[in-house]
Amino acid sequence: MRPLILTGGPAVGKTTCARALAAERERAAYIDGDDVRQLVVAGAATPWSGPEGTAQHELAARNTAALARNLEGAGFDVTASDVVTSEVLPVYREHLPRCFIVHLAVSVDGARDRAATRPVFITDEEFELLHRMTAVPPAVDLVLDVTGMTVDEQIERVRGAWFQA
């Protein structure tokens, strides 16, 4: 299986879907791009914080790709979630060239409805900003509109696309 990277705005189901798909496999790992970015505990910058934020986002993508390569090399299927922007897409293409990147799309209102069912760790302003940043996805392998889908329907659609990739 090609490494799978799910991207999109907040509350689109990246983490839920990627983790569930990894759990179905015989040997698999899930990598959360947010967790990789949070390894920086002093001097951290958010992806929307200008040049330093972009540089740290690219660094996190390189580290996510390195983890994925190492896990894949050890015989694990790999899923990951990250906010893949036009700046970090080339990083994934260079450092994890076999990856299959799926952008999950949902309206801002749909995302707010989904977010109401779970803890949210960003402000309302950051939520809006991330949705604007991801409204027009970069040239990923597949854009999947998940508006109105249940979690199970979304997982099924991504699973089918991943298996065909």
Foldseek 3Di string as FASTA:
>chain_A
DAEEEEAEAAQLCRVVLQVVVQVVDPFADEAELVVLQVVDPPPRDDCPRPPRNLVSSLVSLLVVLVVCVVSVVVPHHYYYYDHDAPSNPVSCCVSRVRYAYEYEDEDLVQSVVSCVVDPDDDDPVVSVVRNVRPVPHDPGNYYHYCYPPDSVRVSVVVVVVVVVD
